[in-house]
Amino acid sequence: RLMSVKEVEKRLARAKAHMGGDSSVYVKHLLARKAELESLKDRNKEI
């Protein structure tokens, strides 16, 4: 199951708080996931 944008944002906030900043691979992964979800959402609107 894929995470929703809200779930990704929640994890991003938690990861940033724990790891201090955006440098971790996990944060980069979440940001990429979020961008992917948002582009999917936009594509669905067009249909």
Protein backbone atom coordinates (compact mmCIF):
# COMPACT_ATOMS: atom_id res chain seq x y z
CA ARG A 1 0.00 0.00 0.00
CA LEU A 2 1.26 3.44 -0.91
CA MET A 3 1.31 6.29 1.57
CA SER A 4 -0.97 9.25 1.13
CA VAL A 5 0.44 12.78 0.90
CA LYS A 6 -0.69 13.43 4.49
CA GLU A 7 1.14 10.37 5.76
CA VAL A 8 4.29 11.36 3.90
CA GLU A 9 4.12 14.88 5.35
CA LYS A 10 3.69 13.49 8.87
CA ARG A 11 6.73 11.26 8.46
CA LEU A 12 8.74 14.09 6.93
CA ALA A 13 8.03 16.31 9.92
CA ARG A 14 8.99 13.53 12.31
CA ALA A 15 12.14 12.64 10.39
CA LYS A 16 13.29 16.26 10.26
CA ALA A 17 12.72 16.65 13.99
CA HIS A 18 14.67 13.47 14.78
CA MET A 19 17.50 13.76 12.28
CA GLY A 20 17.88 17.51 12.17
CA GLY A 21 17.51 18.70 8.63
CA ASP A 22 16.88 17.38 5.17
CA SER A 23 20.20 15.69 4.51
CA SER A 24 19.21 12.12 5.33
CA VAL A 25 18.47 9.60 2.61
CA TYR A 26 15.13 8.84 4.25
CA VAL A 27 14.01 12.47 4.03
CA LYS A 28 15.07 12.60 0.38
CA HIS A 29 13.08 9.42 -0.24
CA LEU A 30 9.98 10.92 1.39
CA LEU A 31 10.31 14.15 -0.58
CA ALA A 32 10.57 12.18 -3.81
CA ARG A 33 7.53 10.13 -2.82
CA LYS A 34 5.56 13.28 -2.04
CA ALA A 35 6.42 14.85 -5.39
CA GLU A 36 5.36 11.62 -7.09
CA LEU A 37 2.02 11.59 -5.27
CA GLU A 38 1.36 15.22 -6.07
CA SER A 39 2.04 14.75 -9.76
CA LEU A 40 -0.29 11.73 -9.76
CA LYS A 41 -2.96 13.81 -8.07
CA ASP A 42 -2.61 16.52 -10.72
CA ARG A 43 -2.82 13.95 -13.49
CA ASN A 44 -6.02 12.52 -12.01
CA LYS A 45 -7.63 15.96 -12.00
CA GLU A 46 -7.00 16.33 -15.73
CA ILE A 47 -8.79 13.09 -16.59
